[in-house]
Protein backbone atom coordinates (compact mmCIF):
# COMPACT_ATOMS: atom_id res chain seq x y z
CA MET A 1 -36.95 -33.45 28.01
CA THR A 2 -37.20 -35.77 25.03
CA ARG A 3 -34.68 -38.57 24.87
CA PRO A 4 -33.27 -39.59 21.51
CA SER A 5 -34.76 -42.77 20.12
CA SER A 6 -32.72 -45.93 20.43
CA ALA A 7 -32.82 -46.34 16.64
CA GLY A 8 -31.39 -42.87 16.13
CA SER A 9 -28.71 -43.44 18.73
CA THR A 10 -27.75 -46.78 17.15
CA TRP A 11 -27.51 -45.22 13.70
CA ALA A 12 -25.35 -42.39 15.06
CA GLN A 13 -22.92 -44.99 16.34
CA CYS A 14 -23.05 -47.32 13.33
CA TRP A 15 -23.09 -45.01 10.30
CA PRO A 16 -19.26 -44.58 10.18
CA LEU A 17 -18.85 -48.35 10.06
CA VAL A 18 -21.47 -48.69 7.33
CA ALA A 19 -19.78 -45.93 5.30
CA LEU A 20 -16.37 -47.55 5.77
CA LEU A 21 -17.65 -50.95 4.61
CA VAL A 22 -19.23 -49.44 1.51
CA PHE A 23 -16.04 -47.51 0.76
CA ALA A 24 -13.90 -50.62 1.27
CA ALA A 25 -16.14 -52.67 -1.01
CA TRP A 26 -15.87 -50.03 -3.74
CA VAL A 27 -12.11 -49.62 -3.53
CA LEU A 28 -11.42 -53.36 -3.41
CA THR A 29 -13.78 -54.08 -6.30
CA VAL A 30 -12.34 -51.40 -8.57
CA GLY A 31 -8.78 -52.15 -7.48
CA SER A 32 -9.11 -55.85 -8.24
CA HIS A 33 -10.02 -54.94 -11.84
CA HIS A 34 -7.33 -52.29 -12.28
CA GLU A 35 -4.30 -53.14 -14.43
CA PRO A 36 -1.15 -51.34 -13.21
CA TRP A 37 0.49 -48.98 -15.67
CA PHE A 38 4.18 -48.18 -16.07
CA ASP A 39 4.70 -46.06 -12.94
CA GLU A 40 3.08 -48.72 -10.78
CA ALA A 41 5.07 -51.54 -12.37
CA GLN A 42 8.34 -49.59 -12.15
CA ALA A 43 8.12 -49.17 -8.37
CA TRP A 44 7.25 -52.84 -7.91
CA LEU A 45 10.14 -54.00 -10.09
CA MET A 46 12.63 -51.73 -8.35
CA ALA A 47 11.58 -53.12 -4.97
CA ARG A 48 11.77 -56.68 -6.29
CA ASP A 49 15.19 -56.45 -7.96
CA ASN A 50 17.14 -54.57 -5.27
CA THR A 51 18.16 -55.03 -1.68
CA LEU A 52 16.61 -52.51 0.68
CA TRP A 53 19.95 -50.68 0.93
CA GLN A 54 20.36 -50.49 -2.85
CA LEU A 55 16.77 -49.38 -3.21
CA LEU A 56 16.87 -46.50 -0.74
CA VAL A 57 20.46 -45.32 -1.12
CA GLN A 58 21.08 -45.84 -4.84
CA ARG A 59 17.98 -46.31 -6.97
CA VAL A 60 15.03 -44.22 -5.75
CA ARG A 61 16.96 -40.98 -6.24
CA TYR A 62 16.67 -41.55 -10.00
CA GLU A 63 12.89 -41.52 -9.58
CA GLY A 64 12.97 -38.07 -7.98
CA THR A 65 11.33 -39.26 -4.77
CA PRO A 66 12.13 -40.44 -1.24
CA GLY A 67 11.83 -44.16 -0.68
CA LEU A 68 8.97 -44.87 1.76
CA TRP A 69 6.67 -46.17 -0.97
CA HIS A 70 9.36 -48.43 -2.40
CA ALA A 71 10.25 -49.66 1.10
CA VAL A 72 6.60 -50.55 1.73
CA LEU A 73 6.53 -52.54 -1.50
CA TRP A 74 9.86 -54.20 -0.66
CA CYS A 75 8.40 -55.42 2.64
CA ALA A 76 5.03 -56.40 1.12
CA MET A 77 6.44 -58.63 -1.58
CA ARG A 78 8.90 -60.30 0.80
CA ALA A 79 5.95 -61.01 3.05
CA GLY A 80 4.49 -62.97 0.13
CA LEU A 81 2.25 -60.44 -1.65
CA PRO A 82 2.00 -61.38 -5.36
CA TYR A 83 1.77 -58.78 -8.09
CA ALA A 84 -1.81 -59.84 -8.81
CA TRP A 85 -2.72 -58.52 -5.37
CA PHE A 86 -0.78 -55.28 -5.71
CA PHE A 87 -4.06 -53.37 -5.44
CA LEU A 88 -4.31 -54.33 -1.77
CA VAL A 89 -1.50 -51.92 -0.85
CA PRO A 90 -3.18 -48.66 -1.95
CA ALA A 91 -6.57 -50.03 -0.89
CA THR A 92 -5.30 -50.68 2.63
CA CYS A 93 -3.91 -47.14 2.89
CA ALA A 94 -7.18 -45.70 1.58
CA ILE A 95 -9.39 -47.74 3.90
CA ALA A 96 -7.26 -46.92 6.95
CA GLY A 97 -7.29 -43.23 6.01
CA ALA A 98 -11.05 -43.38 5.47
CA ALA A 99 -11.49 -44.73 9.00
CA VAL A 100 -9.58 -41.73 10.38
CA VAL A 101 -11.75 -39.37 8.35
CA LEU A 102 -15.02 -41.00 9.38
CA TRP A 103 -14.28 -41.19 13.10
CA ARG A 104 -12.04 -38.19 13.68
CA ALA A 105 -12.73 -35.45 11.12
CA PRO A 106 -14.65 -32.44 12.51
CA LEU A 107 -16.72 -32.14 9.34
CA PRO A 108 -20.45 -32.88 9.35
CA PRO A 109 -21.13 -36.57 8.61
CA PRO A 110 -22.39 -35.98 5.04
CA LEU A 111 -19.18 -34.13 4.18
CA ARG A 112 -17.03 -36.88 5.65
CA VAL A 113 -18.76 -39.39 3.39
CA ALA A 114 -18.51 -37.00 0.45
CA LEU A 115 -14.76 -36.64 1.01
CA LEU A 116 -14.36 -40.39 0.58
CA ALA A 117 -16.43 -40.21 -2.61
CA GLY A 118 -14.17 -37.43 -3.92
CA TYR A 119 -11.92 -38.30 -6.81
CA PHE A 120 -8.61 -38.71 -5.00
CA TYR A 121 -9.94 -40.79 -2.12
CA GLY A 122 -12.47 -42.69 -4.20
CA TYR A 123 -10.28 -43.56 -7.18
CA GLN A 124 -7.01 -41.92 -8.19
CA PHE A 125 -4.94 -42.57 -5.06
CA SER A 126 -6.84 -45.57 -3.71
CA VAL A 127 -6.82 -47.60 -6.95
CA VAL A 128 -3.78 -46.42 -8.92
CA ALA A 129 -0.90 -47.73 -6.80
CA ARG A 130 1.63 -44.94 -6.36
CA SER A 131 3.31 -43.24 -3.42
CA TYR A 132 0.44 -40.77 -3.07
CA CYS A 133 -1.77 -43.48 -1.56
CA LEU A 134 0.32 -43.21 1.61
CA ASP A 135 -0.90 -39.62 1.99
CA LEU A 136 -4.49 -40.86 2.19
CA LEU A 137 -3.58 -42.15 5.65
CA LEU A 138 -0.76 -39.86 6.75
CA VAL A 139 -2.46 -36.52 6.01
CA PRO A 140 -5.61 -37.31 8.07
CA LEU A 141 -3.38 -38.57 10.88
CA ALA A 142 -1.42 -35.32 10.80
CA ALA A 143 -4.67 -33.36 10.94
CA THR A 144 -5.90 -35.50 13.85
CA PHE A 145 -2.67 -34.99 15.82
CA PHE A 146 -2.37 -31.29 14.99
CA THR A 147 -4.57 -29.99 17.81
CA ASP A 148 -2.51 -31.43 20.65
CA ARG A 149 0.84 -31.39 18.85
CA LEU A 150 2.35 -29.34 21.71
CA GLU A 151 1.22 -31.77 24.40
CA ARG A 152 2.01 -34.93 22.40
CA PRO A 153 4.65 -33.87 19.89
CA ILE A 154 6.30 -37.23 19.22
CA ARG A 155 3.45 -38.84 17.29
CA TYR A 156 2.90 -35.64 15.30
CA ALA A 157 6.60 -35.38 14.44
CA LEU A 158 6.65 -39.04 13.41
CA VAL A 159 3.75 -38.53 11.01
CA ILE A 160 5.18 -35.42 9.37
CA GLY A 161 8.52 -37.20 9.12
CA LEU A 162 6.82 -40.04 7.27
CA ILE A 163 5.03 -37.52 5.04
CA ALA A 164 8.46 -36.16 4.11
CA ASN A 165 9.41 -39.64 2.88
CA THR A 166 6.40 -40.16 0.59
CA ASN A 167 7.22 -37.87 -2.34
CA ALA A 168 8.83 -34.55 -3.25
CA HIS A 169 5.67 -32.65 -2.35
CA GLY A 170 5.67 -34.31 1.06
CA VAL A 171 9.22 -33.09 1.66
CA LEU A 172 8.12 -29.51 1.05
CA VAL A 173 4.99 -29.66 3.19
CA ALA A 174 6.71 -31.55 6.00
CA GLY A 175 9.35 -28.83 6.06
CA VAL A 176 6.68 -26.18 6.60
CA LEU A 177 4.89 -28.22 9.27
CA GLY A 178 8.18 -28.95 11.02
CA LEU A 179 9.11 -25.28 11.14
CA GLU A 180 5.65 -24.43 12.46
CA LEU A 181 6.10 -27.01 15.23
CA VAL A 182 9.48 -25.56 16.20
CA TRP A 183 8.01 -22.05 16.27
CA GLN A 184 5.15 -23.14 18.51
CA MET A 185 7.59 -24.84 20.88
CA LEU A 186 9.70 -21.70 21.06
CA ARG A 187 6.65 -19.49 21.50
CA THR A 188 5.31 -21.59 24.38
CA ARG A 189 8.80 -22.12 25.85
CA ARG A 190 8.59 -25.90 25.63
CA ILE A 191 11.66 -26.35 23.51
CA GLY A 192 13.57 -27.84 26.44
CA ASP A 193 11.05 -30.55 27.27
CA ARG A 194 12.31 -34.09 26.81
CA SER A 195 9.36 -35.12 24.62
CA VAL A 196 9.84 -32.03 22.47
CA LEU A 197 13.52 -32.75 21.95
CA ALA A 198 12.70 -36.35 21.04
CA ALA A 199 10.05 -35.16 18.58
CA LEU A 200 12.43 -32.71 16.95
CA LEU A 201 15.09 -35.41 16.67
CA ILE A 202 12.61 -37.76 14.96
CA ALA A 203 11.49 -35.05 12.55
CA VAL A 204 15.05 -34.02 11.68
CA VAL A 205 16.30 -37.58 11.18
CA LEU A 206 13.34 -38.55 8.97
CA GLY A 207 13.55 -35.29 7.06
CA LEU A 208 17.27 -35.69 6.39
CA PHE A 209 16.75 -39.28 5.35
CA ALA A 210 14.11 -38.15 2.84
CA LEU A 211 16.52 -35.60 1.40
CA ILE A 212 19.31 -38.15 1.16
CA CYS A 213 17.07 -40.63 -0.66
CA ALA A 214 15.65 -38.03 -3.05
CA TRP A 215 18.84 -36.05 -3.73
CA GLN A 216 19.29 -35.98 -7.47
CA PRO A 217 22.37 -37.71 -8.96
CA ALA A 218 24.29 -35.81 -11.60
CA ASP A 219 23.73 -38.53 -14.20
CA ASN A 220 19.93 -38.70 -13.97
CA ASN A 221 18.54 -38.72 -17.50
CA PHE A 222 14.89 -38.94 -16.42
CA LEU A 223 14.32 -35.68 -14.57
CA GLN A 224 15.39 -32.59 -16.42
CA PRO A 225 13.70 -29.78 -14.47
CA GLN A 226 13.44 -26.41 -16.11
CA LEU A 227 11.77 -23.27 -14.87
CA ARG A 228 8.39 -22.90 -16.49
CA THR A 229 7.71 -20.04 -18.86
CA ALA A 230 4.02 -19.69 -17.96
CA PRO A 231 3.77 -20.40 -14.21
CA ALA A 232 0.47 -18.58 -13.72
CA MET A 233 -1.32 -20.72 -16.30
CA THR A 234 0.28 -23.88 -14.88
CA VAL A 235 -0.95 -23.03 -11.39
CA LEU A 236 -4.46 -22.31 -12.68
CA VAL A 237 -4.66 -25.68 -14.43
CA TYR A 238 -3.18 -27.32 -11.34
CA LEU A 239 -5.87 -25.79 -9.11
CA CYS A 240 -8.68 -26.81 -11.45
CA ASN A 241 -7.39 -30.38 -11.51
CA ALA A 242 -7.35 -30.35 -7.71
CA PHE A 243 -10.95 -29.15 -7.40
CA ILE A 244 -13.18 -28.76 -10.46
CA ASP A 245 -11.53 -29.55 -13.77
CA HIS A 246 -14.78 -30.01 -15.64
CA VAL A 247 -18.26 -28.69 -14.87
CA ALA A 248 -20.27 -30.94 -17.18
CA VAL A 249 -18.94 -34.06 -15.42
CA TRP A 250 -21.88 -36.15 -16.62
CA ASP A 251 -20.59 -35.87 -20.21
CA PRO A 252 -16.80 -35.95 -20.76
CA GLU A 253 -17.26 -34.89 -24.37
CA ILE A 254 -18.38 -31.41 -23.28
CA ARG A 255 -14.96 -29.86 -22.84
CA ASN A 256 -15.21 -26.65 -24.81
CA LYS A 257 -13.88 -23.24 -23.85
CA TYR A 258 -17.08 -22.37 -21.99
CA ASP A 259 -16.82 -25.45 -19.79
CA VAL A 260 -13.17 -24.71 -19.06
CA PHE A 261 -13.98 -21.09 -18.23
CA ALA A 262 -16.79 -22.20 -15.92
CA SER A 263 -14.51 -24.65 -14.12
CA VAL A 264 -11.91 -21.93 -13.51
CA ILE A 265 -14.49 -19.46 -12.19
CA LEU A 266 -16.18 -22.04 -9.98
CA THR A 267 -12.84 -23.28 -8.60
CA VAL A 268 -11.77 -19.75 -7.66
CA VAL A 269 -15.14 -18.62 -6.27
CA LEU A 270 -15.52 -21.68 -4.06
CA GLN A 271 -12.22 -20.92 -2.34
CA TRP A 272 -13.62 -17.77 -0.72
CA PRO A 273 -15.31 -19.50 2.27
CA VAL A 274 -12.12 -21.48 2.90
CA VAL A 275 -10.09 -18.27 2.89
CA ALA A 276 -12.56 -16.79 5.37
CA LEU A 277 -12.23 -19.89 7.58
CA VAL A 278 -8.44 -19.72 7.65
CA MET A 279 -8.34 -15.98 8.24
CA ALA A 280 -10.64 -16.39 11.27
CA GLY A 281 -8.01 -18.37 13.20
CA ARG A 282 -4.35 -18.39 14.23
CA ASN A 283 -2.93 -20.79 11.65
CA ARG A 284 -2.87 -18.38 8.73
CA ALA A 285 0.90 -18.45 8.24
CA MET A 286 1.00 -22.24 8.36
CA ALA A 287 -1.84 -22.52 5.83
CA LEU A 288 -0.16 -20.05 3.50
CA GLY A 289 3.13 -21.90 3.81
CA VAL A 290 1.69 -25.37 3.15
CA LEU A 291 -0.37 -24.39 0.13
CA GLY A 292 2.16 -21.81 -1.06
CA VAL A 293 5.10 -24.21 -1.39
CA LEU A 294 2.95 -26.62 -3.40
CA LEU A 295 1.79 -23.88 -5.76
CA VAL A 296 5.30 -22.53 -6.24
CA PHE A 297 6.66 -26.01 -6.91
CA ALA A 298 3.88 -26.69 -9.43
CA GLY A 299 4.25 -23.33 -11.11
CA LEU A 300 8.02 -23.22 -11.40
CA VAL A 301 9.33 -26.78 -11.28
CA HIS A 302 7.01 -29.70 -12.00
CA ALA A 303 3.32 -30.56 -11.99
CA ALA A 304 1.64 -33.66 -13.41
CA LEU A 305 -2.11 -34.16 -13.36
CA TRP A 306 -2.06 -36.43 -10.31
CA HIS A 307 0.10 -34.00 -8.31
CA SER A 308 -2.98 -31.82 -7.96
CA GLY A 309 -4.35 -34.52 -5.67
CA ILE A 310 -1.57 -33.81 -3.18
CA PHE A 311 -2.64 -30.17 -3.15
CA PHE A 312 -6.24 -31.27 -2.58
CA LEU A 313 -5.32 -33.48 0.38
CA PHE A 314 -3.34 -30.75 2.10
CA TRP A 315 -6.08 -28.25 1.31
CA MET A 316 -8.41 -30.57 3.21
CA PHE A 317 -5.80 -30.71 5.99
CA ILE A 318 -6.03 -26.90 6.24
CA VAL A 319 -9.84 -27.04 6.33
CA TRP A 320 -9.73 -29.80 8.95
CA VAL A 321 -7.39 -28.10 11.42
CA ASN A 322 -9.19 -24.75 11.05
CA TRP A 323 -12.75 -26.07 11.17
CA GLY A 324 -13.35 -24.81 14.69
CA ASN A 325 -12.50 -21.20 13.81
CA PRO A 326 -15.35 -18.74 14.45
CA LEU A 327 -17.46 -17.99 11.38
CA SER A 328 -20.80 -16.32 10.96
CA PRO A 329 -23.69 -18.73 10.37
CA GLY A 330 -24.01 -17.50 6.80
CA MET A 331 -20.32 -17.99 5.98
CA ARG A 332 -20.42 -21.43 7.63
CA ARG A 333 -23.29 -22.40 5.30
CA HIS A 334 -21.31 -21.09 2.33
CA LEU A 335 -18.31 -23.16 3.41
CA ILE A 336 -20.36 -26.34 3.69
CA ALA A 337 -21.99 -25.63 0.31
CA ALA A 338 -18.61 -25.02 -1.34
CA LEU A 339 -17.23 -28.32 -0.04
CA ALA A 340 -20.41 -30.14 -1.08
CA ILE A 341 -20.22 -28.76 -4.63
CA ILE A 342 -16.54 -29.66 -5.06
CA LEU A 343 -16.91 -33.15 -3.62
CA GLY A 344 -20.23 -33.79 -5.34
CA LEU A 345 -18.81 -33.06 -8.80
CA GLN A 346 -15.77 -35.16 -8.01
CA ALA A 347 -17.97 -38.04 -6.88
CA ILE A 348 -19.45 -38.27 -10.37
CA GLU A 349 -15.94 -38.46 -11.83
CA THR A 350 -15.01 -41.08 -9.24
CA THR A 351 -17.96 -43.22 -10.30
CA ARG A 352 -17.24 -42.80 -14.01
CA SER A 353 -13.57 -43.67 -13.55
CA GLY A 354 -14.21 -46.69 -11.35
CA VAL A 355 -16.93 -48.14 -13.56
CA TRP A 356 -14.73 -47.60 -16.63
CA ASP A 357 -11.75 -49.29 -14.96
CA ILE A 358 -13.87 -52.32 -14.09
CA GLY A 359 -15.00 -52.76 -17.70
CA HIS A 360 -11.86 -51.78 -19.61
CA VAL A 361 -8.10 -52.34 -19.67
CA TYR A 362 -6.12 -49.55 -18.03
CA ALA A 363 -2.70 -50.93 -19.06
CA PRO A 364 -2.23 -54.23 -20.97
CA GLY A 365 0.89 -55.48 -19.18
CA GLN A 366 -0.68 -58.75 -18.08
CA GLN A 367 -2.07 -59.40 -21.55
CA ALA A 368 1.38 -58.75 -23.04
CA ALA A 369 2.92 -61.14 -20.51
CA HIS A 370 0.39 -63.78 -21.56
CA GLU A 371 1.37 -63.34 -25.22
CA ILE A 372 5.06 -63.58 -24.33
CA ALA A 373 4.52 -66.73 -22.24
CA LEU A 374 2.56 -68.42 -25.05
CA TRP A 375 5.21 -67.54 -27.61
CA ARG A 376 8.09 -68.67 -25.38
CA THR A 377 6.46 -72.06 -24.92
CA ALA A 378 6.81 -72.65 -28.66
CA HIS A 379 10.12 -70.78 -29.04
CA PRO A 380 12.14 -71.36 -25.85
CA GLN A 381 15.37 -70.11 -27.48
CA GLY A 382 13.84 -67.09 -29.21
CA ARG A 383 15.00 -63.54 -28.58
CA ILE A 384 12.44 -61.08 -27.25
CA PHE A 385 13.02 -57.35 -27.52
CA GLY A 386 11.18 -54.55 -25.80
CA TYR A 387 10.58 -51.09 -27.20
CA GLY A 388 9.23 -48.17 -25.22
CA ASP A 389 8.92 -47.59 -21.51
CA TYR A 390 5.39 -48.98 -21.30
CA ALA A 391 6.57 -52.37 -22.58
CA PHE A 392 7.95 -52.84 -19.08
CA THR A 393 4.43 -53.27 -17.70
CA ALA A 394 4.78 -56.93 -18.72
CA GLN A 395 7.89 -57.47 -16.60
CA PRO A 396 6.28 -57.91 -13.13
CA TRP A 397 4.43 -60.99 -14.38
CA PHE A 398 7.72 -62.84 -14.86
CA ASP A 399 10.42 -63.75 -12.37
CA GLY A 400 12.92 -61.46 -14.09
CA ASN A 401 13.79 -59.44 -17.18
CA VAL A 402 12.56 -61.04 -20.44
CA TYR A 403 13.94 -58.49 -22.91
CA ALA A 404 17.19 -59.59 -24.54
CA ASN A 405 17.98 -56.02 -25.65
CA TYR A 406 17.87 -54.73 -22.08
CA HIS A 407 21.13 -55.45 -20.27
CA ASN A 408 21.54 -58.59 -22.38
CA GLY A 409 18.50 -60.15 -20.76
CA ASP A 410 19.91 -59.97 -17.21
CA LYS A 411 17.05 -61.44 -15.16
CA ARG A 412 18.07 -59.42 -12.10
CA LEU A 413 17.37 -56.10 -13.84
CA SER A 414 13.78 -55.78 -15.01
CA TYR A 415 13.03 -52.14 -14.16
CA VAL A 416 13.96 -49.08 -16.21
CA ARG A 417 17.18 -47.37 -15.22
CA TRP A 418 17.47 -43.67 -15.86
CA ASP A 419 21.28 -43.34 -15.72
CA ARG A 420 22.73 -41.30 -18.57
CA SER A 421 25.13 -44.15 -19.26
CA GLU A 422 22.16 -46.46 -19.87
CA ALA A 423 22.46 -47.77 -23.44
CA TRP A 424 18.78 -48.60 -23.73
CA MET A 425 16.33 -45.92 -24.82
CA ALA A 426 15.06 -45.07 -21.33
CA GLY A 427 15.01 -41.37 -20.63
CA ALA A 428 15.78 -40.37 -24.21
CA TRP A 429 14.11 -37.16 -25.29
CA GLY A 430 12.69 -36.30 -28.70
CA ASP A 431 10.78 -38.19 -31.38
CA ALA A 432 13.84 -38.53 -33.63
CA THR A 433 15.73 -40.42 -30.91
CA LYS A 434 12.75 -42.67 -30.25
CA LEU A 435 12.33 -43.52 -33.93
CA ASN A 436 16.03 -44.15 -34.33
CA PHE A 437 15.89 -46.65 -31.48
CA TRP A 438 12.89 -48.33 -33.10
CA HIS A 439 14.85 -48.74 -36.30
CA GLN A 440 17.72 -50.25 -34.30
CA VAL A 441 15.33 -52.77 -32.75
CA LEU A 442 14.03 -53.81 -36.16
CA ALA A 443 17.53 -54.03 -37.63
CA ALA A 444 18.63 -56.41 -34.84
CA ARG A 445 16.09 -58.96 -36.12
CA PRO A 446 14.73 -60.28 -32.79
CA ASP A 447 12.14 -63.03 -32.93
CA LEU A 448 9.46 -61.17 -30.94
CA ILE A 449 9.01 -57.47 -30.16
CA VAL A 450 6.76 -55.95 -27.50
CA ALA A 451 6.41 -52.31 -28.54
CA SER A 452 4.89 -49.30 -26.84
CA PRO A 453 4.28 -46.53 -29.38
CA VAL A 454 3.61 -43.96 -26.68
CA ASN A 455 6.41 -43.15 -24.27
CA ARG A 456 7.08 -40.72 -21.47
CA ASN A 457 9.22 -38.37 -23.52
CA GLY A 458 7.85 -38.03 -27.03
CA MET A 459 6.37 -40.31 -29.71
CA ASP A 460 2.77 -39.35 -28.94
CA GLY A 461 0.75 -39.74 -32.09
CA GLN A 462 3.11 -42.33 -33.62
CA LEU A 463 0.71 -45.20 -32.90
CA ALA A 464 0.05 -46.15 -36.53
CA ASP A 465 3.63 -45.70 -37.77
CA LEU A 466 5.12 -48.68 -35.96
CA VAL A 467 2.96 -51.24 -37.77
CA PRO A 468 3.90 -50.44 -41.41
CA GLN A 469 7.54 -49.96 -40.43
CA ALA A 470 7.58 -53.35 -38.72
CA CYS A 471 5.85 -54.96 -41.70
CA HIS A 472 8.41 -53.46 -44.06
CA ALA A 473 11.14 -54.96 -41.86
CA GLY A 474 9.57 -58.42 -42.07
CA TYR A 475 7.38 -58.57 -38.96
CA ALA A 476 3.76 -59.57 -38.62
CA LEU A 477 1.48 -58.05 -36.02
CA ARG A 478 0.78 -60.90 -33.59
CA ALA A 479 -1.43 -58.91 -31.20
CA THR A 480 -2.71 -55.42 -30.56
CA LEU A 481 -3.33 -54.95 -26.83
CA PRO A 482 -5.35 -51.80 -26.13
CA GLY A 483 -5.11 -49.87 -22.91
CA MET A 484 -6.13 -46.40 -21.81
CA MET A 485 -5.23 -44.26 -18.82
CA PHE A 486 -8.22 -42.51 -17.31
CA TRP A 487 -8.26 -39.15 -15.55
CA ARG A 488 -11.36 -37.84 -13.81
CA GLY A 489 -13.78 -39.77 -15.97
CA THR A 490 -12.02 -39.01 -19.26
CA PRO A 491 -9.48 -40.94 -21.38
CA ALA A 492 -6.09 -39.34 -20.78
CA GLY A 493 -3.31 -41.43 -22.29
CA ASP A 494 -2.94 -44.32 -24.71
CA GLN A 495 -1.33 -47.42 -23.16
CA THR A 496 -1.61 -49.71 -26.20
CA LEU A 497 1.06 -52.37 -26.73
CA PHE A 498 1.88 -54.09 -30.03
CA VAL A 499 3.36 -57.57 -30.20
CA PHE A 500 5.28 -58.25 -33.43
CA GLU A 501 6.54 -61.66 -34.58
CA ARG A 502 9.06 -62.34 -37.32
CA ALA A 503 7.21 -63.47 -40.42
CA THR A 504 8.58 -65.82 -43.09
CA ALA A 505 5.67 -65.55 -45.50
CA GLY A 506 2.82 -63.26 -46.42
CA PRO A 507 2.86 -59.50 -47.04
CA CYS A 508 5.18 -58.88 -44.08
CA GLY A 509 7.49 -61.86 -44.64
CA HIS A 510 11.02 -61.93 -45.97
CA ASP A 511 12.11 -64.89 -48.06
């Protein structure tokens, strides 16, 4: 009998650590160069400007989400974390989740590494600081605890309860997983066990708390959900964004109808081995429920690009917990090949996105804050106005609100409020309303204006119009601060900010 070499045995023990260190170095490097955009800044500002009670009971409901992410930020900044180190929060979640994947996932080692190189682990949720980064840790933990959830239900219930408090999608999935746990307890007649009752109590309390935090107020002017008119197409796009949105990933310019068609076909075809894996075991109903609620929610209610990453993570959860199901050798090879193709294509997009983020500005909030600080040094009594939601990306770099036209410059309120009674433009819908507000800003004659020509609800394509209108009103363009959101290796949203200064002479001056 041949014994394994000592070198091979050492590598078998050390490769997860090597992979984790490489992953950590990548995430920390890219994250340290990433400039937070509006959604990231908004959560930070809300956590900074509110007590924990105000945050969880009053404010997060206007964001359409439970409050775990905001509570994490509230604790982090009161522990001394500065905004410049904000990237450490998602990076920590990603690195901890990566450790669970590398040491506990049943996948072959190359696939475990490939999963970390995939787009959502390798960039979107580990670098862009939003609530979804919490799922990078919680979903692998749930998969790890799934096997012995009947013997050790408390830790499993705690994790799915925390998943419910991450985002709206987590509420839906946690509901399905909670019901599955109750059914298994009833089926095995363990419902009366003390540990089971404690687990159910934890799950119910955390689930109810998530619902309380996320319950929509009647005066929310931000979320206006409407049933979609083309749910099938929405779901198809959602699935492609979760797996393969683009076949020619080496060249983002190749996005013609043939590439789109190929991505749809490849995404659908590569699901077949996963379907076979799930159908070979006992967790079919649970898998259908988890993925089904996410697809229904995306198709009928709401789906942004990044929400597809939540579907991807729970799809991997389904693969993880069903990996031991019996498959023929041929189907097992097809399954491994399908995962390798999906993750391999995503890895290219991860690399493109990370390298781009290192060399370019994602959102120019810090640069805008620098311009404001320089100007205020020379004009300490000057009035500064903000225009557009994205202008708020400058706010975290100050100790409070700097915009005189937002709640009269109240320093204690630097985040965007979505109440319908809010007099500022936040939440307004339609280009006409946005332009009317811009004209109001100009008419008020502030000394400095930080303007975002692209907003959440309209005004796309109005980038060039603000400059001549401001010039006509007597303002000179002090600075143009470019920024660009990136999605899967491709530019996906202009983040440019303009800084206008009142001019007294020249083509834009008023005598």
